[in-house]
């Protein structure tokens, strides 16, 4: 352990893997934020923390069974000349679940009782936690397989997972509240999750799609929407002030 602490290569690997876990955890944070938004306000922070803690323990648990993870890459059967492994099955199932869940959320947002918010359709605390567990498994598997190819020391991997989840907890609350307070950003996030589901499906059939393109497209869309939000706020101010100054004084009763 002391050799690892004194090794520059280990620190470089730790920093690189922590950054990678943060990037791969973005879609996880968005998914958790949208799910906990269906809970009462007083339970959202607890559900968010439980979801992120579960993500951390699930990834650490997967790191401790690396032989099983590596075995998942071996082909299990062939469909239309396409070899399917255990990892592929998990990615396909996770992609289908993400597409189904995100599409359902979009439908509820458009057709729900409150029109602009799917939180009109409430969910139980247990149901939200179980859904977080399902999608955590998919996202964890993807990031752990990537980590295995980058770092040899399991202690470095575990330290990077703990550090990345701690950083996620710092920002997850603010991100969740922002997504919840801005329906247009929430719709963008749901659309992003549909795209991530399609990417997982493609990965399950060995069609690699660089996630950098997906993340760049999402970041660009969010940046444009942030400009739209600022423009809407600035254009709403003069109208409000104009209404104040041009309103006629109340007529006196005779």
C-alpha atoms as a PDB file:
ATOM      1  CA  UNK A   1       0.000   0.000   0.000  1.00  0.00           C
ATOM      2  CA  UNK A   2       2.851   2.413   0.831  1.00  0.00           C
ATOM      3  CA  UNK A   3       4.389   1.714  -2.574  1.00  0.00           C
ATOM      4  CA  UNK A   4       1.121   2.761  -4.233  1.00  0.00           C
ATOM      5  CA  UNK A   5       0.987   6.013  -2.233  1.00  0.00           C
ATOM      6  CA  UNK A   6       4.539   6.874  -3.285  1.00  0.00           C
ATOM      7  CA  UNK A   7       4.035   5.928  -6.940  1.00  0.00           C
ATOM      8  CA  UNK A   8       3.415   8.800  -9.407  1.00  0.00           C
ATOM      9  CA  UNK A   9       1.963   6.310 -11.895  1.00  0.00           C
ATOM     10  CA  UNK A  10      -0.639   5.233  -9.340  1.00  0.00           C
ATOM     11  CA  UNK A  11      -1.678   8.850  -8.683  1.00  0.00           C
ATOM     12  CA  UNK A  12      -1.948   9.557 -12.412  1.00  0.00           C
ATOM     13  CA  UNK A  13      -4.065   6.422 -12.850  1.00  0.00           C
ATOM     14  CA  UNK A  14      -6.219   7.464  -9.863  1.00  0.00           C
ATOM     15  CA  UNK A  15      -6.845  10.965 -11.283  1.00  0.00           C
ATOM     16  CA  UNK A  16      -7.581   9.623 -14.769  1.00  0.00           C
ATOM     17  CA  UNK A  17      -9.951   6.940 -13.520  1.00  0.00           C
ATOM     18  CA  UNK A  18     -11.748   9.369 -11.177  1.00  0.00           C
ATOM     19  CA  UNK A  19     -12.349  11.745 -14.105  1.00  0.00           C
ATOM     20  CA  UNK A  20     -13.574   8.813 -16.209  1.00  0.00           C
ATOM     21  CA  UNK A  21     -15.976   7.681 -13.479  1.00  0.00           C
ATOM     22  CA  UNK A  22     -17.341  11.234 -13.207  1.00  0.00           C
ATOM     23  CA  UNK A  23     -17.954  11.436 -16.962  1.00  0.00           C
ATOM     24  CA  UNK A  24     -19.580   8.002 -17.064  1.00  0.00           C
ATOM     25  CA  UNK A  25     -21.649   8.952 -13.999  1.00  0.00           C
ATOM     26  CA  UNK A  26     -23.309  11.976 -15.633  1.00  0.00           C
ATOM     27  CA  UNK A  27     -26.141   9.940 -17.143  1.00  0.00           C
ATOM     28  CA  UNK A  28     -26.542   8.150 -13.799  1.00  0.00           C
ATOM     29  CA  UNK A  29     -26.971  11.459 -11.940  1.00  0.00           C
ATOM     30  CA  UNK A  30     -29.529  12.669 -14.500  1.00  0.00           C
ATOM     31  CA  UNK A  31     -31.502   9.423 -14.252  1.00  0.00           C
ATOM     32  CA  UNK A  32     -31.511   9.538 -10.433  1.00  0.00           C
ATOM     33  CA  UNK A  33     -32.561  13.208 -10.463  1.00  0.00           C
ATOM     34  CA  UNK A  34     -35.554  12.511 -12.702  1.00  0.00           C
ATOM     35  CA  UNK A  35     -36.611   9.473 -10.661  1.00  0.00           C
ATOM     36  CA  UNK A  36     -36.425  11.166  -7.239  1.00  0.00           C
ATOM     37  CA  UNK A  37     -38.413  14.096  -8.637  1.00  0.00           C
ATOM     38  CA  UNK A  38     -41.448  11.793  -8.483  1.00  0.00           C
ATOM     39  CA  UNK A  39     -41.097  11.530  -4.679  1.00  0.00           C
ATOM     40  CA  UNK A  40     -42.328  14.050  -2.085  1.00  0.00           C
ATOM     41  CA  UNK A  41     -39.788  16.894  -1.582  1.00  0.00           C
ATOM     42  CA  UNK A  42     -38.829  15.739   1.919  1.00  0.00           C
ATOM     43  CA  UNK A  43     -37.753  12.293   0.622  1.00  0.00           C
ATOM     44  CA  UNK A  44     -35.821  13.350  -2.480  1.00  0.00           C
ATOM     45  CA  UNK A  45     -32.459  14.070  -0.855  1.00  0.00           C
ATOM     46  CA  UNK A  46     -32.512  10.754   1.049  1.00  0.00           C
ATOM     47  CA  UNK A  47     -33.373   8.813  -2.120  1.00  0.00           C
ATOM     48  CA  UNK A  48     -30.618  10.633  -4.042  1.00  0.00           C
ATOM     49  CA  UNK A  49     -28.006   9.755  -1.409  1.00  0.00           C
ATOM     50  CA  UNK A  50     -29.145   6.135  -1.209  1.00  0.00           C
ATOM     51  CA  UNK A  51     -29.000   5.883  -5.005  1.00  0.00           C
ATOM     52  CA  UNK A  52     -25.441   7.241  -5.169  1.00  0.00           C
ATOM     53  CA  UNK A  53     -24.299   5.099  -2.228  1.00  0.00           C
ATOM     54  CA  UNK A  54     -25.693   2.052  -3.986  1.00  0.00           C
ATOM     55  CA  UNK A  55     -23.856   3.041  -7.150  1.00  0.00           C
ATOM     56  CA  UNK A  56     -20.610   3.186  -5.145  1.00  0.00           C
ATOM     57  CA  UNK A  57     -21.083  -0.151  -3.368  1.00  0.00           C
ATOM     58  CA  UNK A  58     -22.264  -1.835  -6.562  1.00  0.00           C
ATOM     59  CA  UNK A  59     -19.159  -0.722  -8.458  1.00  0.00           C
ATOM     60  CA  UNK A  60     -16.869  -1.753  -5.591  1.00  0.00           C
ATOM     61  CA  UNK A  61     -18.652  -5.114  -5.445  1.00  0.00           C
ATOM     62  CA  UNK A  62     -18.155  -5.604  -9.179  1.00  0.00           C
ATOM     63  CA  UNK A  63     -14.464  -4.732  -8.810  1.00  0.00           C
ATOM     64  CA  UNK A  64     -14.118  -7.477  -6.199  1.00  0.00           C
ATOM     65  CA  UNK A  65     -15.452 -10.073  -8.661  1.00  0.00           C
ATOM     66  CA  UNK A  66     -13.278  -9.120 -11.614  1.00  0.00           C
ATOM     67  CA  UNK A  67     -12.989 -12.746 -12.775  1.00  0.00           C
ATOM     68  CA  UNK A  68     -16.787 -12.843 -13.190  1.00  0.00           C
ATOM     69  CA  UNK A  69     -16.743  -9.493 -15.024  1.00  0.00           C
ATOM     70  CA  UNK A  70     -14.048 -10.717 -17.423  1.00  0.00           C
ATOM     71  CA  UNK A  71     -16.029 -13.935 -17.967  1.00  0.00           C
ATOM     72  CA  UNK A  72     -19.070 -11.916 -19.043  1.00  0.00           C
ATOM     73  CA  UNK A  73     -17.181 -10.864 -22.175  1.00  0.00           C
ATOM     74  CA  UNK A  74     -16.973 -14.470 -23.425  1.00  0.00           C
ATOM     75  CA  UNK A  75     -19.592 -15.326 -26.120  1.00  0.00           C
ATOM     76  CA  UNK A  76     -22.588 -17.304 -24.821  1.00  0.00           C
ATOM     77  CA  UNK A  77     -24.510 -17.910 -28.071  1.00  0.00           C
ATOM     78  CA  UNK A  78     -24.810 -16.610 -31.629  1.00  0.00           C
ATOM     79  CA  UNK A  79     -27.806 -14.861 -33.227  1.00  0.00           C
ATOM     80  CA  UNK A  80     -27.690 -14.090 -37.004  1.00  0.00           C
ATOM     81  CA  UNK A  81     -23.891 -14.529 -36.988  1.00  0.00           C
ATOM     82  CA  UNK A  82     -23.664 -12.095 -34.043  1.00  0.00           C
ATOM     83  CA  UNK A  83     -21.941 -13.397 -30.909  1.00  0.00           C
ATOM     84  CA  UNK A  84     -23.813 -12.419 -27.715  1.00  0.00           C
ATOM     85  CA  UNK A  85     -22.060 -12.411 -24.330  1.00  0.00           C
ATOM     86  CA  UNK A  86     -23.383 -11.901 -20.806  1.00  0.00           C
ATOM     87  CA  UNK A  87     -22.217  -8.284 -20.934  1.00  0.00           C
ATOM     88  CA  UNK A  88     -24.090  -7.790 -24.211  1.00  0.00           C
ATOM     89  CA  UNK A  89     -27.306  -9.162 -22.674  1.00  0.00           C
ATOM     90  CA  UNK A  90     -27.026  -6.773 -19.710  1.00  0.00           C
ATOM     91  CA  UNK A  91     -26.358  -3.796 -21.998  1.00  0.00           C
ATOM     92  CA  UNK A  92     -29.279  -4.706 -24.296  1.00  0.00           C
ATOM     93  CA  UNK A  93     -31.657  -5.159 -21.347  1.00  0.00           C
ATOM     94  CA  UNK A  94     -30.414  -1.923 -19.762  1.00  0.00           C
ATOM     95  CA  UNK A  95     -30.790  -0.012 -23.024  1.00  0.00           C
ATOM     96  CA  UNK A  96     -34.357  -1.253 -23.494  1.00  0.00           C
ATOM     97  CA  UNK A  97     -35.199  -0.372 -19.875  1.00  0.00           C
ATOM     98  CA  UNK A  98     -33.731   3.122 -20.251  1.00  0.00           C
ATOM     99  CA  UNK A  99     -35.620   3.769 -23.516  1.00  0.00           C
ATOM    100  CA  UNK A 100     -38.880   2.476 -21.998  1.00  0.00           C
ATOM    101  CA  UNK A 101     -38.484   4.462 -18.784  1.00  0.00           C
ATOM    102  CA  UNK A 102     -37.430   7.713 -20.470  1.00  0.00           C
ATOM    103  CA  UNK A 103     -40.175   7.476 -23.101  1.00  0.00           C
ATOM    104  CA  UNK A 104     -42.724   6.890 -20.348  1.00  0.00           C
ATOM    105  CA  UNK A 105     -41.447   9.947 -18.455  1.00  0.00           C
ATOM    106  CA  UNK A 106     -41.689  12.079 -21.603  1.00  0.00           C
ATOM    107  CA  UNK A 107     -45.254  10.873 -22.166  1.00  0.00           C
ATOM    108  CA  UNK A 108     -46.181  11.691 -18.554  1.00  0.00           C
ATOM    109  CA  UNK A 109     -44.570  15.117 -18.870  1.00  0.00           C
ATOM    110  CA  UNK A 110     -46.636  15.873 -21.964  1.00  0.00           C
ATOM    111  CA  UNK A 111     -49.899  14.248 -20.890  1.00  0.00           C
ATOM    112  CA  UNK A 112     -49.753  14.374 -17.062  1.00  0.00           C
ATOM    113  CA  UNK A 113     -52.290  16.115 -14.884  1.00  0.00           C
ATOM    114  CA  UNK A 114     -50.038  19.119 -14.416  1.00  0.00           C
ATOM    115  CA  UNK A 115     -48.957  19.154 -18.057  1.00  0.00           C
ATOM    116  CA  UNK A 116     -45.393  20.323 -17.492  1.00  0.00           C
ATOM    117  CA  UNK A 117     -44.345  17.927 -14.728  1.00  0.00           C
ATOM    118  CA  UNK A 118     -44.356  14.146 -14.585  1.00  0.00           C
ATOM    119  CA  UNK A 119     -44.169  14.399 -10.797  1.00  0.00           C
ATOM    120  CA  UNK A 120     -47.967  14.530 -10.962  1.00  0.00           C
ATOM    121  CA  UNK A 121     -47.710  10.748 -11.165  1.00  0.00           C
ATOM    122  CA  UNK A 122     -46.174   9.822  -7.820  1.00  0.00           C
ATOM    123  CA  UNK A 123     -44.027   6.768  -7.167  1.00  0.00           C
ATOM    124  CA  UNK A 124     -43.249   4.884  -3.999  1.00  0.00           C
ATOM    125  CA  UNK A 125     -39.850   5.222  -2.321  1.00  0.00           C
ATOM    126  CA  UNK A 126     -39.123   1.499  -2.759  1.00  0.00           C
ATOM    127  CA  UNK A 127     -40.049   1.530  -6.463  1.00  0.00           C
ATOM    128  CA  UNK A 128     -37.699   4.458  -7.118  1.00  0.00           C
ATOM    129  CA  UNK A 129     -34.816   2.772  -5.277  1.00  0.00           C
ATOM    130  CA  UNK A 130     -35.363  -0.512  -7.184  1.00  0.00           C
ATOM    131  CA  UNK A 131     -35.316   1.322 -10.533  1.00  0.00           C
ATOM    132  CA  UNK A 132     -32.121   3.110  -9.507  1.00  0.00           C
ATOM    133  CA  UNK A 133     -30.576  -0.283  -8.668  1.00  0.00           C
ATOM    134  CA  UNK A 134     -31.434  -1.673 -12.119  1.00  0.00           C
ATOM    135  CA  UNK A 135     -29.884   1.182 -14.047  1.00  0.00           C
ATOM    136  CA  UNK A 136     -26.928   1.428 -11.635  1.00  0.00           C
ATOM    137  CA  UNK A 137     -26.023  -2.152 -12.561  1.00  0.00           C
ATOM    138  CA  UNK A 138     -25.911  -1.261 -16.266  1.00  0.00           C
ATOM    139  CA  UNK A 139     -23.905   1.946 -15.818  1.00  0.00           C
ATOM    140  CA  UNK A 140     -21.592   0.295 -13.263  1.00  0.00           C
ATOM    141  CA  UNK A 141     -20.841  -2.632 -15.559  1.00  0.00           C
ATOM    142  CA  UNK A 142     -19.912  -0.304 -18.395  1.00  0.00           C
ATOM    143  CA  UNK A 143     -17.569   1.841 -16.294  1.00  0.00           C
ATOM    144  CA  UNK A 144     -15.957  -1.102 -14.480  1.00  0.00           C
ATOM    145  CA  UNK A 145     -15.130  -2.902 -17.734  1.00  0.00           C
ATOM    146  CA  UNK A 146     -13.531   0.341 -18.942  1.00  0.00           C
ATOM    147  CA  UNK A 147     -11.603   0.691 -15.660  1.00  0.00           C
ATOM    148  CA  UNK A 148     -10.253  -2.869 -15.871  1.00  0.00           C
ATOM    149  CA  UNK A 149      -8.647  -2.022 -19.199  1.00  0.00           C
ATOM    150  CA  UNK A 150      -6.985   1.110 -17.812  1.00  0.00           C
ATOM    151  CA  UNK A 151      -5.666   0.217 -14.337  1.00  0.00           C
ATOM    152  CA  UNK A 152      -4.121  -2.954 -12.933  1.00  0.00           C
ATOM    153  CA  UNK A 153      -4.287  -2.186  -9.196  1.00  0.00           C
ATOM    154  CA  UNK A 154      -7.715  -2.880  -7.676  1.00  0.00           C
ATOM    155  CA  UNK A 155      -6.971  -0.538  -4.734  1.00  0.00           C
ATOM    156  CA  UNK A 156      -6.578   2.360  -7.179  1.00  0.00           C
ATOM    157  CA  UNK A 157      -9.885   1.444  -8.839  1.00  0.00           C
ATOM    158  CA  UNK A 158     -11.761   1.357  -5.517  1.00  0.00           C
ATOM    159  CA  UNK A 159     -10.242   4.675  -4.407  1.00  0.00           C
ATOM    160  CA  UNK A 160     -11.257   6.285  -7.731  1.00  0.00           C
ATOM    161  CA  UNK A 161     -14.836   4.975  -7.401  1.00  0.00           C
ATOM    162  CA  UNK A 162     -15.162   6.344  -3.835  1.00  0.00           C
ATOM    163  CA  UNK A 163     -13.706   9.732  -4.834  1.00  0.00           C
ATOM    164  CA  UNK A 164     -15.950  10.063  -7.896  1.00  0.00           C
ATOM    165  CA  UNK A 165     -19.124   9.187  -5.944  1.00  0.00           C
ATOM    166  CA  UNK A 166     -18.156  11.695  -3.218  1.00  0.00           C
ATOM    167  CA  UNK A 167     -17.822  14.400  -5.886  1.00  0.00           C
ATOM    168  CA  UNK A 168     -21.143  13.344  -7.432  1.00  0.00           C
ATOM    169  CA  UNK A 169     -22.844  13.776  -4.050  1.00  0.00           C
ATOM    170  CA  UNK A 170     -21.563  17.342  -3.843  1.00  0.00           C
ATOM    171  CA  UNK A 171     -23.138  18.311  -7.176  1.00  0.00           C
ATOM    172  CA  UNK A 172     -26.062  15.854  -7.496  1.00  0.00           C
ATOM    173  CA  UNK A 173     -28.441  17.884  -5.318  1.00  0.00           C
ATOM    174  CA  UNK A 174     -27.884  21.116  -7.236  1.00  0.00           C
ATOM    175  CA  UNK A 175     -28.159  19.321 -10.594  1.00  0.00           C
ATOM    176  CA  UNK A 176     -31.349  17.559  -9.478  1.00  0.00           C
ATOM    177  CA  UNK A 177     -33.005  20.768  -8.273  1.00  0.00           C
ATOM    178  CA  UNK A 178     -32.030  22.593 -11.464  1.00  0.00           C
ATOM    179  CA  UNK A 179     -33.441  19.817 -13.669  1.00  0.00           C
ATOM    180  CA  UNK A 180     -36.628  19.724 -11.586  1.00  0.00           C
ATOM    181  CA  UNK A 181     -37.135  23.516 -11.690  1.00  0.00           C
ATOM    182  CA  UNK A 182     -36.673  23.840 -15.472  1.00  0.00           C
ATOM    183  CA  UNK A 183     -39.071  21.654 -17.527  1.00  0.00           C
ATOM    184  CA  UNK A 184     -37.197  22.326 -20.780  1.00  0.00           C
ATOM    185  CA  UNK A 185     -33.920  21.085 -19.245  1.00  0.00           C
ATOM    186  CA  UNK A 186     -35.756  18.042 -17.888  1.00  0.00           C
ATOM    187  CA  UNK A 187     -37.083  17.250 -21.365  1.00  0.00           C
ATOM    188  CA  UNK A 188     -33.541  17.574 -22.764  1.00  0.00           C
ATOM    189  CA  UNK A 189     -32.287  15.224 -20.045  1.00  0.00           C
ATOM    190  CA  UNK A 190     -34.966  12.653 -20.857  1.00  0.00           C
ATOM    191  CA  UNK A 191     -34.123  12.890 -24.567  1.00  0.00           C
ATOM    192  CA  UNK A 192     -30.458  12.399 -23.652  1.00  0.00           C
ATOM    193  CA  UNK A 193     -31.340   9.264 -21.689  1.00  0.00           C
ATOM    194  CA  UNK A 194     -33.222   7.883 -24.714  1.00  0.00           C
ATOM    195  CA  UNK A 195     -30.054   8.410 -26.780  1.00  0.00           C
ATOM    196  CA  UNK A 196     -27.966   6.704 -24.074  1.00  0.00           C
ATOM    197  CA  UNK A 197     -30.396   3.768 -24.182  1.00  0.00           C
ATOM    198  CA  UNK A 198     -29.929   3.493 -27.955  1.00  0.00           C
ATOM    199  CA  UNK A 199     -26.136   3.639 -27.480  1.00  0.00           C
ATOM    200  CA  UNK A 200     -26.338   0.812 -24.920  1.00  0.00           C
ATOM    201  CA  UNK A 201     -28.389  -1.257 -27.383  1.00  0.00           C
ATOM    202  CA  UNK A 202     -25.796  -0.637 -30.100  1.00  0.00           C
ATOM    203  CA  UNK A 203     -22.977  -1.599 -27.707  1.00  0.00           C
ATOM    204  CA  UNK A 204     -24.851  -4.797 -26.888  1.00  0.00           C
ATOM    205  CA  UNK A 205     -24.731  -5.718 -30.583  1.00  0.00           C
ATOM    206  CA  UNK A 206     -21.009  -4.788 -30.824  1.00  0.00           C
ATOM    207  CA  UNK A 207     -21.693  -1.538 -32.673  1.00  0.00           C
ATOM    208  CA  UNK A 208     -19.413   0.909 -30.878  1.00  0.00           C
ATOM    209  CA  UNK A 209     -20.645   4.514 -30.694  1.00  0.00           C
ATOM    210  CA  UNK A 210     -18.115   7.004 -29.228  1.00  0.00           C
ATOM    211  CA  UNK A 211     -19.819   8.459 -26.147  1.00  0.00           C
ATOM    212  CA  UNK A 212     -17.829  11.650 -26.542  1.00  0.00           C
ATOM    213  CA  UNK A 213     -20.079  12.591 -29.473  1.00  0.00           C
ATOM    214  CA  UNK A 214     -23.209  11.974 -27.379  1.00  0.00           C
ATOM    215  CA  UNK A 215     -21.914  13.981 -24.421  1.00  0.00           C
ATOM    216  CA  UNK A 216     -20.789  16.853 -26.678  1.00  0.00           C
ATOM    217  CA  UNK A 217     -24.209  16.998 -28.355  1.00  0.00           C
ATOM    218  CA  UNK A 218     -25.919  17.039 -24.956  1.00  0.00           C
ATOM    219  CA  UNK A 219     -23.574  19.722 -23.583  1.00  0.00           C
ATOM    220  CA  UNK A 220     -24.187  21.873 -26.663  1.00  0.00           C
ATOM    221  CA  UNK A 221     -27.970  21.463 -26.342  1.00  0.00           C
ATOM    222  CA  UNK A 222     -27.869  22.376 -22.641  1.00  0.00           C
ATOM    223  CA  UNK A 223     -25.703  25.431 -23.392  1.00  0.00           C
ATOM    224  CA  UNK A 224     -28.201  26.633 -26.006  1.00  0.00           C
ATOM    225  CA  UNK A 225     -31.109  26.058 -23.627  1.00  0.00           C
ATOM    226  CA  UNK A 226     -29.298  27.975 -20.872  1.00  0.00           C
ATOM    227  CA  UNK A 227     -29.043  30.936 -23.259  1.00  0.00           C
ATOM    228  CA  UNK A 228     -32.767  30.588 -24.002  1.00  0.00           C
ATOM    229  CA  UNK A 229     -33.569  30.586 -20.272  1.00  0.00           C
ATOM    230  CA  UNK A 230     -31.514  33.759 -19.742  1.00  0.00           C
ATOM    231  CA  UNK A 231     -33.175  35.433 -22.726  1.00  0.00           C
ATOM    232  CA  UNK A 232     -36.640  34.535 -21.423  1.00  0.00           C
ATOM    233  CA  UNK A 233     -35.817  35.981 -18.009  1.00  0.00           C
ATOM    234  CA  UNK A 234     -34.415  39.197 -19.472  1.00  0.00           C
ATOM    235  CA  UNK A 235     -37.332  39.665 -21.869  1.00  0.00           C
ATOM    236  CA  UNK A 236     -39.837  39.061 -19.063  1.00  0.00           C
ATOM    237  CA  UNK A 237     -38.384  41.819 -16.843  1.00  0.00           C
ATOM    238  CA  UNK A 238     -39.127  44.855 -19.069  1.00  0.00           C
ATOM    239  CA  UNK A 239     -42.657  43.626 -19.686  1.00  0.00           C
ATOM    240  CA  UNK A 240     -43.262  43.421 -15.957  1.00  0.00           C
ATOM    241  CA  UNK A 241     -41.784  46.858 -15.300  1.00  0.00           C
ATOM    242  CA  UNK A 242     -43.686  48.354 -18.219  1.00  0.00           C
ATOM    243  CA  UNK A 243     -46.930  46.953 -16.814  1.00  0.00           C
ATOM    244  CA  UNK A 244     -46.153  48.559 -13.442  1.00  0.00           C
ATOM    245  CA  UNK A 245     -45.444  52.007 -14.834  1.00  0.00           C
ATOM    246  CA  UNK A 246     -48.223  52.092 -17.402  1.00  0.00           C
ATOM    247  CA  UNK A 247     -50.995  50.779 -15.216  1.00  0.00           C
ATOM    248  CA  UNK A 248     -53.682  53.420 -14.642  1.00  0.00           C
ATOM    249  CA  UNK A 249     -54.413  54.490 -11.082  1.00  0.00           C
ATOM    250  CA  UNK A 250     -57.644  53.106  -9.670  1.00  0.00           C
ATOM    251  CA  UNK A 251     -60.698  55.291 -10.351  1.00  0.00           C
ATOM    252  CA  UNK A 252     -62.230  56.965  -7.323  1.00  0.00           C
ATOM    253  CA  UNK A 253     -65.777  56.073  -6.520  1.00  0.00           C
ATOM    254  CA  UNK A 254     -68.162  59.079  -6.557  1.00  0.00           C
END
